[in-house]
Amino acid sequence: MAQLLVTALNLESVEADGIAPEAPLFGHNNGGLGLDSIDALEIALSVEQKYGVVLRADDKNGKQIFSSLRALSGHVQSCRKT
């Protein structure tokens, strides 16, 4: 999933293995990647293309789903099992 983020967002200065699983994806606090809403759309599109999981903007759990790499990965994994 980290490599998907790096590739989808063209994060040239970030290595996939350098993204801490619990670091926030949005904002720069606590080692966050500083992503924004456009980045979230790119991630959602990439996740849908690669894993077939639709991440909807109106999902009430959206903030939690995108809170960290671990949360995003866990959500995608749980959706693929069903």
PDB file of N, CA and C in Angstrom:
ATOM      1  N   MET A   1       0.823  -1.188   0.000  1.00  0.00           N
ATOM      2  CA  MET A   1       0.000   0.000   0.000  1.00  0.00           C
ATOM      3  C   MET A   1       0.872   1.259   0.000  1.00  0.00           C
ATOM      4  N   ALA A   2       1.980   1.212   0.718  1.00  0.00           N
ATOM      5  CA  ALA A   2       2.877   2.372   0.740  1.00  0.00           C
ATOM      6  C   ALA A   2       3.406   2.666  -0.662  1.00  0.00           C
ATOM      7  N   GLN A   3       3.764   1.632  -1.393  1.00  0.00           N
ATOM      8  CA  GLN A   3       4.258   1.840  -2.754  1.00  0.00           C
ATOM      9  C   GLN A   3       3.169   2.398  -3.647  1.00  0.00           C
ATOM     10  N   LEU A   4       1.941   1.985  -3.436  1.00  0.00           N
ATOM     11  CA  LEU A   4       0.812   2.516  -4.194  1.00  0.00           C
ATOM     12  C   LEU A   4       0.700   4.023  -3.967  1.00  0.00           C
ATOM     13  N   LEU A   5       0.837   4.459  -2.709  1.00  0.00           N
ATOM     14  CA  LEU A   5       0.776   5.890  -2.405  1.00  0.00           C
ATOM     15  C   LEU A   5       1.898   6.652  -3.100  1.00  0.00           C
ATOM     16  N   VAL A   6       3.093   6.133  -2.990  1.00  0.00           N
ATOM     17  CA  VAL A   6       4.251   6.803  -3.592  1.00  0.00           C
ATOM     18  C   VAL A   6       4.073   6.922  -5.105  1.00  0.00           C
ATOM     19  N   THR A   7       3.628   5.860  -5.731  1.00  0.00           N
ATOM     20  CA  THR A   7       3.448   5.852  -7.182  1.00  0.00           C
ATOM     21  C   THR A   7       2.284   6.738  -7.614  1.00  0.00           C
ATOM     22  N   ALA A   8       1.132   6.574  -6.968  1.00  0.00           N
ATOM     23  CA  ALA A   8      -0.067   7.322  -7.348  1.00  0.00           C
ATOM     24  C   ALA A   8       0.100   8.820  -7.176  1.00  0.00           C
ATOM     25  N   LEU A   9       0.843   9.214  -6.144  1.00  0.00           N
ATOM     26  CA  LEU A   9       0.984  10.633  -5.832  1.00  0.00           C
ATOM     27  C   LEU A   9       2.304  11.230  -6.314  1.00  0.00           C
ATOM     28  N   ASN A  10       3.111  10.424  -6.999  1.00  0.00           N
ATOM     29  CA  ASN A  10       4.417  10.890  -7.481  1.00  0.00           C
ATOM     30  C   ASN A  10       5.226  11.530  -6.356  1.00  0.00           C
ATOM     31  N   LEU A  11       5.321  10.828  -5.247  1.00  0.00           N
ATOM     32  CA  LEU A  11       6.068  11.330  -4.091  1.00  0.00           C
ATOM     33  C   LEU A  11       7.553  11.035  -4.297  1.00  0.00           C
ATOM     34  N   GLU A  12       8.188  11.860  -5.080  1.00  0.00           N
ATOM     35  CA  GLU A  12       9.581  11.637  -5.466  1.00  0.00           C
ATOM     36  C   GLU A  12      10.542  11.684  -4.283  1.00  0.00           C
ATOM     37  N   SER A  13      10.200  12.443  -3.263  1.00  0.00           N
ATOM     38  CA  SER A  13      11.122  12.593  -2.130  1.00  0.00           C
ATOM     39  C   SER A  13      10.810  11.615  -0.992  1.00  0.00           C
ATOM     40  N   VAL A  14       9.884  10.679  -1.221  1.00  0.00           N
ATOM     41  CA  VAL A  14       9.478   9.744  -0.177  1.00  0.00           C
ATOM     42  C   VAL A  14       9.706   8.316  -0.657  1.00  0.00           C
ATOM     43  N   GLU A  15      10.347   7.523   0.179  1.00  0.00           N
ATOM     44  CA  GLU A  15      10.516   6.097  -0.091  1.00  0.00           C
ATOM     45  C   GLU A  15       9.346   5.349   0.539  1.00  0.00           C
ATOM     46  N   ALA A  16       8.829   4.336  -0.130  1.00  0.00           N
ATOM     47  CA  ALA A  16       7.695   3.578   0.388  1.00  0.00           C
ATOM     48  C   ALA A  16       7.986   3.002   1.767  1.00  0.00           C
ATOM     49  N   ASP A  17       9.182   2.463   1.943  1.00  0.00           N
ATOM     50  CA  ASP A  17       9.508   1.862   3.240  1.00  0.00           C
ATOM     51  C   ASP A  17       9.792   2.914   4.315  1.00  0.00           C
ATOM     52  N   GLY A  18       9.796   4.177   3.930  1.00  0.00           N
ATOM     53  CA  GLY A  18       9.999   5.257   4.882  1.00  0.00           C
ATOM     54  C   GLY A  18       8.702   5.817   5.444  1.00  0.00           C
ATOM     55  N   ILE A  19       7.561   5.315   4.962  1.00  0.00           N
ATOM     56  CA  ILE A  19       6.267   5.780   5.463  1.00  0.00           C
ATOM     57  C   ILE A  19       5.904   4.941   6.679  1.00  0.00           C
ATOM     58  N   ALA A  20       5.873   5.575   7.827  1.00  0.00           N
ATOM     59  CA  ALA A  20       5.528   4.872   9.068  1.00  0.00           C
ATOM     60  C   ALA A  20       4.059   4.467   9.025  1.00  0.00           C
ATOM     61  N   PRO A  21       3.753   3.215   9.372  1.00  0.00           N
ATOM     62  CA  PRO A  21       2.373   2.721   9.296  1.00  0.00           C
ATOM     63  C   PRO A  21       1.363   3.541  10.096  1.00  0.00           C
ATOM     64  N   GLU A  22       1.784   4.123  11.207  1.00  0.00           N
ATOM     65  CA  GLU A  22       0.860   4.873  12.057  1.00  0.00           C
ATOM     66  C   GLU A  22       0.914   6.381  11.840  1.00  0.00           C
ATOM     67  N   ALA A  23       1.828   6.844  11.006  1.00  0.00           N
ATOM     68  CA  ALA A  23       1.940   8.288  10.763  1.00  0.00           C
ATOM     69  C   ALA A  23       0.700   8.790  10.028  1.00  0.00           C
ATOM     70  N   PRO A  24       0.233   9.979  10.385  1.00  0.00           N
ATOM     71  CA  PRO A  24      -0.935  10.529   9.694  1.00  0.00           C
ATOM     72  C   PRO A  24      -0.614  10.806   8.229  1.00  0.00           C
ATOM     73  N   LEU A  25      -1.574  10.531   7.369  1.00  0.00           N
ATOM     74  CA  LEU A  25      -1.370  10.796   5.944  1.00  0.00           C
ATOM     75  C   LEU A  25      -1.553  12.278   5.632  1.00  0.00           C
ATOM     76  N   PHE A  26      -2.414  12.947   6.388  1.00  0.00           N
ATOM     77  CA  PHE A  26      -2.719  14.349   6.132  1.00  0.00           C
ATOM     78  C   PHE A  26      -2.121  15.218   7.226  1.00  0.00           C
ATOM     79  N   GLY A  27      -1.675  16.395   6.851  1.00  0.00           N
ATOM     80  CA  GLY A  27      -1.035  17.296   7.806  1.00  0.00           C
ATOM     81  C   GLY A  27       0.427  16.924   7.995  1.00  0.00           C
ATOM     82  N   HIS A  28       1.172  17.868   8.521  1.00  0.00           N
ATOM     83  CA  HIS A  28       2.605  17.651   8.736  1.00  0.00           C
ATOM     84  C   HIS A  28       2.927  17.327  10.188  1.00  0.00           C
ATOM     85  N   ASN A  29       1.925  17.321  11.034  1.00  0.00           N
ATOM     86  CA  ASN A  29       2.148  17.026  12.455  1.00  0.00           C
ATOM     87  C   ASN A  29       2.491  15.558  12.639  1.00  0.00           C
ATOM     88  N   ASN A  30       3.332  15.281  13.595  1.00  0.00           N
ATOM     89  CA  ASN A  30       3.692  13.901  13.947  1.00  0.00           C
ATOM     90  C   ASN A  30       4.198  13.088  12.760  1.00  0.00           C
ATOM     91  N   GLY A  31       4.969  13.711  11.894  1.00  0.00           N
ATOM     92  CA  GLY A  31       5.558  12.988  10.777  1.00  0.00           C
ATOM     93  C   GLY A  31       4.608  12.704   9.638  1.00  0.00           C
ATOM     94  N   GLY A  32       3.500  13.427   9.554  1.00  0.00           N
ATOM     95  CA  GLY A  32       2.522  13.221   8.485  1.00  0.00           C
ATOM     96  C   GLY A  32       3.095  13.528   7.109  1.00  0.00           C
ATOM     97  N   LEU A  33       2.460  12.972   6.101  1.00  0.00           N
ATOM     98  CA  LEU A  33       2.913  13.184   4.729  1.00  0.00           C
ATOM     99  C   LEU A  33       2.462  14.524   4.162  1.00  0.00           C
ATOM    100  N   GLY A  34       1.499  15.162   4.797  1.00  0.00           N
ATOM    101  CA  GLY A  34       1.027  16.456   4.322  1.00  0.00           C
ATOM    102  C   GLY A  34       0.138  16.370   3.098  1.00  0.00           C
ATOM    103  N   LEU A  35      -0.596  15.284   2.958  1.00  0.00           N
ATOM    104  CA  LEU A  35      -1.476  15.116   1.807  1.00  0.00           C
ATOM    105  C   LEU A  35      -2.685  16.030   1.922  1.00  0.00           C
ATOM    106  N   ASP A  36      -3.377  16.243   0.798  1.00  0.00           N
ATOM    107  CA  ASP A  36      -4.578  17.084   0.803  1.00  0.00           C
ATOM    108  C   ASP A  36      -5.732  16.334   0.141  1.00  0.00           C
ATOM    109  N   SER A  37      -6.854  17.012  -0.044  1.00  0.00           N
ATOM    110  CA  SER A  37      -8.053  16.358  -0.567  1.00  0.00           C
ATOM    111  C   SER A  37      -7.874  15.841  -1.995  1.00  0.00           C
ATOM    112  N   ILE A  38      -7.087  16.525  -2.794  1.00  0.00           N
ATOM    113  CA  ILE A  38      -6.815  16.045  -4.157  1.00  0.00           C
ATOM    114  C   ILE A  38      -6.024  14.743  -4.089  1.00  0.00           C
ATOM    115  N   ASP A  39      -5.086  14.663  -3.153  1.00  0.00           N
ATOM    116  CA  ASP A  39      -4.323  13.429  -2.947  1.00  0.00           C
ATOM    117  C   ASP A  39      -5.251  12.288  -2.543  1.00  0.00           C
ATOM    118  N   ALA A  40      -6.240  12.588  -1.705  1.00  0.00           N
ATOM    119  CA  ALA A  40      -7.197  11.557  -1.281  1.00  0.00           C
ATOM    120  C   ALA A  40      -7.953  11.001  -2.477  1.00  0.00           C
ATOM    121  N   LEU A  41      -8.317  11.866  -3.406  1.00  0.00           N
ATOM    122  CA  LEU A  41      -9.007  11.404  -4.622  1.00  0.00           C
ATOM    123  C   LEU A  41      -8.102  10.505  -5.451  1.00  0.00           C
ATOM    124  N   GLU A  42      -6.849  10.883  -5.572  1.00  0.00           N
ATOM    125  CA  GLU A  42      -5.878  10.069  -6.323  1.00  0.00           C
ATOM    126  C   GLU A  42      -5.688   8.705  -5.662  1.00  0.00           C
ATOM    127  N   ILE A  43      -5.607   8.701  -4.338  1.00  0.00           N
ATOM    128  CA  ILE A  43      -5.460   7.442  -3.606  1.00  0.00           C
ATOM    129  C   ILE A  43      -6.687   6.573  -3.835  1.00  0.00           C
ATOM    130  N   ALA A  44      -7.877   7.168  -3.711  1.00  0.00           N
ATOM    131  CA  ALA A  44      -9.117   6.412  -3.882  1.00  0.00           C
ATOM    132  C   ALA A  44      -9.183   5.789  -5.279  1.00  0.00           C
ATOM    133  N   LEU A  45      -8.811   6.540  -6.289  1.00  0.00           N
ATOM    134  CA  LEU A  45      -8.821   6.026  -7.661  1.00  0.00           C
ATOM    135  C   LEU A  45      -7.823   4.887  -7.820  1.00  0.00           C
ATOM    136  N   SER A  46      -6.641   5.040  -7.278  1.00  0.00           N
ATOM    137  CA  SER A  46      -5.609   4.006  -7.377  1.00  0.00           C
ATOM    138  C   SER A  46      -6.007   2.735  -6.634  1.00  0.00           C
ATOM    139  N   VAL A  47      -6.605   2.896  -5.452  1.00  0.00           N
ATOM    140  CA  VAL A  47      -7.056   1.736  -4.676  1.00  0.00           C
ATOM    141  C   VAL A  47      -8.146   0.987  -5.441  1.00  0.00           C
ATOM    142  N   GLU A  48      -9.064   1.737  -6.035  1.00  0.00           N
ATOM    143  CA  GLU A  48     -10.139   1.096  -6.795  1.00  0.00           C
ATOM    144  C   GLU A  48      -9.580   0.342  -8.001  1.00  0.00           C
ATOM    145  N   GLN A  49      -8.644   0.945  -8.705  1.00  0.00           N
ATOM    146  CA  GLN A  49      -8.058   0.297  -9.876  1.00  0.00           C
ATOM    147  C   GLN A  49      -7.262  -0.940  -9.507  1.00  0.00           C
ATOM    148  N   LYS A  50      -6.500  -0.873  -8.444  1.00  0.00           N
ATOM    149  CA  LYS A  50      -5.631  -1.988  -8.085  1.00  0.00           C
ATOM    150  C   LYS A  50      -6.345  -3.084  -7.313  1.00  0.00           C
ATOM    151  N   TYR A  51      -7.205  -2.699  -6.360  1.00  0.00           N
ATOM    152  CA  TYR A  51      -7.810  -3.672  -5.455  1.00  0.00           C
ATOM    153  C   TYR A  51      -9.313  -3.868  -5.656  1.00  0.00           C
ATOM    154  N   GLY A  52      -9.944  -3.024  -6.471  1.00  0.00           N
ATOM    155  CA  GLY A  52     -11.377  -3.141  -6.691  1.00  0.00           C
ATOM    156  C   GLY A  52     -12.214  -2.680  -5.511  1.00  0.00           C
ATOM    157  N   VAL A  53     -11.619  -1.911  -4.611  1.00  0.00           N
ATOM    158  CA  VAL A  53     -12.316  -1.400  -3.435  1.00  0.00           C
ATOM    159  C   VAL A  53     -12.633   0.071  -3.683  1.00  0.00           C
ATOM    160  N   VAL A  54     -13.921   0.416  -3.568  1.00  0.00           N
ATOM    161  CA  VAL A  54     -14.351   1.792  -3.783  1.00  0.00           C
ATOM    162  C   VAL A  54     -14.306   2.545  -2.461  1.00  0.00           C
ATOM    163  N   LEU A  55     -13.580   3.636  -2.452  1.00  0.00           N
ATOM    164  CA  LEU A  55     -13.512   4.523  -1.286  1.00  0.00           C
ATOM    165  C   LEU A  55     -14.351   5.744  -1.617  1.00  0.00           C
ATOM    166  N   ARG A  56     -15.482   5.863  -0.955  1.00  0.00           N
ATOM    167  CA  ARG A  56     -16.443   6.923  -1.270  1.00  0.00           C
ATOM    168  C   ARG A  56     -16.198   8.168  -0.425  1.00  0.00           C
ATOM    169  N   ALA A  57     -16.366   9.315  -1.050  1.00  0.00           N
ATOM    170  CA  ALA A  57     -16.174  10.593  -0.363  1.00  0.00           C
ATOM    171  C   ALA A  57     -17.200  10.799   0.752  1.00  0.00           C
ATOM    172  N   ASP A  58     -18.380  10.211   0.607  1.00  0.00           N
ATOM    173  CA  ASP A  58     -19.426  10.405   1.603  1.00  0.00           C
ATOM    174  C   ASP A  58     -19.434   9.326   2.690  1.00  0.00           C
ATOM    175  N   ASP A  59     -18.407   8.491   2.726  1.00  0.00           N
ATOM    176  CA  ASP A  59     -18.312   7.450   3.754  1.00  0.00           C
ATOM    177  C   ASP A  59     -18.130   8.117   5.116  1.00  0.00           C
ATOM    178  N   LYS A  60     -18.998   7.784   6.060  1.00  0.00           N
ATOM    179  CA  LYS A  60     -18.925   8.404   7.391  1.00  0.00           C
ATOM    180  C   LYS A  60     -17.626   8.066   8.114  1.00  0.00           C
ATOM    181  N   ASN A  61     -16.949   7.006   7.701  1.00  0.00           N
ATOM    182  CA  ASN A  61     -15.688   6.604   8.311  1.00  0.00           C
ATOM    183  C   ASN A  61     -14.471   7.076   7.516  1.00  0.00           C
ATOM    184  N   GLY A  62     -14.686   7.950   6.559  1.00  0.00           N
ATOM    185  CA  GLY A  62     -13.613   8.393   5.681  1.00  0.00           C
ATOM    186  C   GLY A  62     -12.405   8.954   6.396  1.00  0.00           C
ATOM    187  N   LYS A  63     -12.650   9.762   7.404  1.00  0.00           N
ATOM    188  CA  LYS A  63     -11.531  10.366   8.137  1.00  0.00           C
ATOM    189  C   LYS A  63     -10.691   9.283   8.813  1.00  0.00           C
ATOM    190  N   GLN A  64     -11.353   8.283   9.381  1.00  0.00           N
ATOM    191  CA  GLN A  64     -10.642   7.181  10.033  1.00  0.00           C
ATOM    192  C   GLN A  64      -9.913   6.323   8.998  1.00  0.00           C
ATOM    193  N   ILE A  65     -10.566   6.045   7.880  1.00  0.00           N
ATOM    194  CA  ILE A  65      -9.969   5.209   6.839  1.00  0.00           C
ATOM    195  C   ILE A  65      -8.662   5.822   6.340  1.00  0.00           C
ATOM    196  N   PHE A  66      -8.658   7.130   6.147  1.00  0.00           N
ATOM    197  CA  PHE A  66      -7.482   7.827   5.620  1.00  0.00           C
ATOM    198  C   PHE A  66      -6.568   8.373   6.715  1.00  0.00           C
ATOM    199  N   SER A  67      -6.761   7.940   7.948  1.00  0.00           N
ATOM    200  CA  SER A  67      -5.969   8.502   9.044  1.00  0.00           C
ATOM    201  C   SER A  67      -4.503   8.089   9.002  1.00  0.00           C
ATOM    202  N   SER A  68      -4.216   6.892   8.507  1.00  0.00           N
ATOM    203  CA  SER A  68      -2.830   6.423   8.435  1.00  0.00           C
ATOM    204  C   SER A  68      -2.722   5.317   7.384  1.00  0.00           C
ATOM    205  N   LEU A  69      -1.513   4.975   7.070  1.00  0.00           N
ATOM    206  CA  LEU A  69      -1.266   3.888   6.124  1.00  0.00           C
ATOM    207  C   LEU A  69      -1.858   2.586   6.658  1.00  0.00           C
ATOM    208  N   ARG A  70      -1.684   2.325   7.937  1.00  0.00           N
ATOM    209  CA  ARG A  70      -2.209   1.103   8.548  1.00  0.00           C
ATOM    210  C   ARG A  70      -3.731   1.064   8.466  1.00  0.00           C
ATOM    211  N   ALA A  71      -4.392   2.188   8.748  1.00  0.00           N
ATOM    212  CA  ALA A  71      -5.858   2.246   8.700  1.00  0.00           C
ATOM    213  C   ALA A  71      -6.362   2.026   7.278  1.00  0.00           C
ATOM    214  N   LEU A  72      -5.715   2.667   6.316  1.00  0.00           N
ATOM    215  CA  LEU A  72      -6.109   2.504   4.918  1.00  0.00           C
ATOM    216  C   LEU A  72      -5.922   1.066   4.470  1.00  0.00           C
ATOM    217  N   SER A  73      -4.780   0.491   4.786  1.00  0.00           N
ATOM    218  CA  SER A  73      -4.504  -0.901   4.420  1.00  0.00           C
ATOM    219  C   SER A  73      -5.506  -1.858   5.061  1.00  0.00           C
ATOM    220  N   GLY A  74      -5.804  -1.625   6.335  1.00  0.00           N
ATOM    221  CA  GLY A  74      -6.755  -2.480   7.044  1.00  0.00           C
ATOM    222  C   GLY A  74      -8.140  -2.409   6.437  1.00  0.00           C
ATOM    223  N   HIS A  75      -8.567  -1.207   6.063  1.00  0.00           N
ATOM    224  CA  HIS A  75      -9.881  -1.043   5.453  1.00  0.00           C
ATOM    225  C   HIS A  75      -9.954  -1.761   4.113  1.00  0.00           C
ATOM    226  N   VAL A  76      -8.949  -1.570   3.287  1.00  0.00           N
ATOM    227  CA  VAL A  76      -8.939  -2.214   1.970  1.00  0.00           C
ATOM    228  C   VAL A  76      -8.938  -3.730   2.139  1.00  0.00           C
ATOM    229  N   GLN A  77      -8.145  -4.216   3.046  1.00  0.00           N
ATOM    230  CA  GLN A  77      -8.075  -5.661   3.284  1.00  0.00           C
ATOM    231  C   GLN A  77      -9.428  -6.191   3.760  1.00  0.00           C
ATOM    232  N   SER A  78     -10.093  -5.491   4.663  1.00  0.00           N
ATOM    233  CA  SER A  78     -11.380  -5.959   5.168  1.00  0.00           C
ATOM    234  C   SER A  78     -12.450  -5.931   4.083  1.00  0.00           C
ATOM    235  N   CYS A  79     -12.385  -4.975   3.184  1.00  0.00           N
ATOM    236  CA  CYS A  79     -13.358  -4.907   2.096  1.00  0.00           C
ATOM    237  C   CYS A  79     -13.120  -5.987   1.051  1.00  0.00           C
ATOM    238  N   ARG A  80     -11.911  -6.382   0.862  1.00  0.00           N
ATOM    239  CA  ARG A  80     -11.594  -7.423  -0.121  1.00  0.00           C
ATOM    240  C   ARG A  80     -12.027  -8.803   0.358  1.00  0.00           C
ATOM    241  N   LYS A  81     -12.151  -8.995   1.667  1.00  0.00           N
ATOM    242  CA  LYS A  81     -12.548 -10.299   2.215  1.00  0.00           C
ATOM    243  C   LYS A  81     -14.025 -10.568   2.019  1.00  0.00           C
ATOM    244  N   THR A  82     -14.813  -9.491   1.879  1.00  0.00           N
ATOM    245  CA  THR A  82     -16.262  -9.670   1.775  1.00  0.00           C
ATOM    246  C   THR A  82     -16.719  -9.751   0.350  1.00  0.00           C
TER     247      THR A  82
END
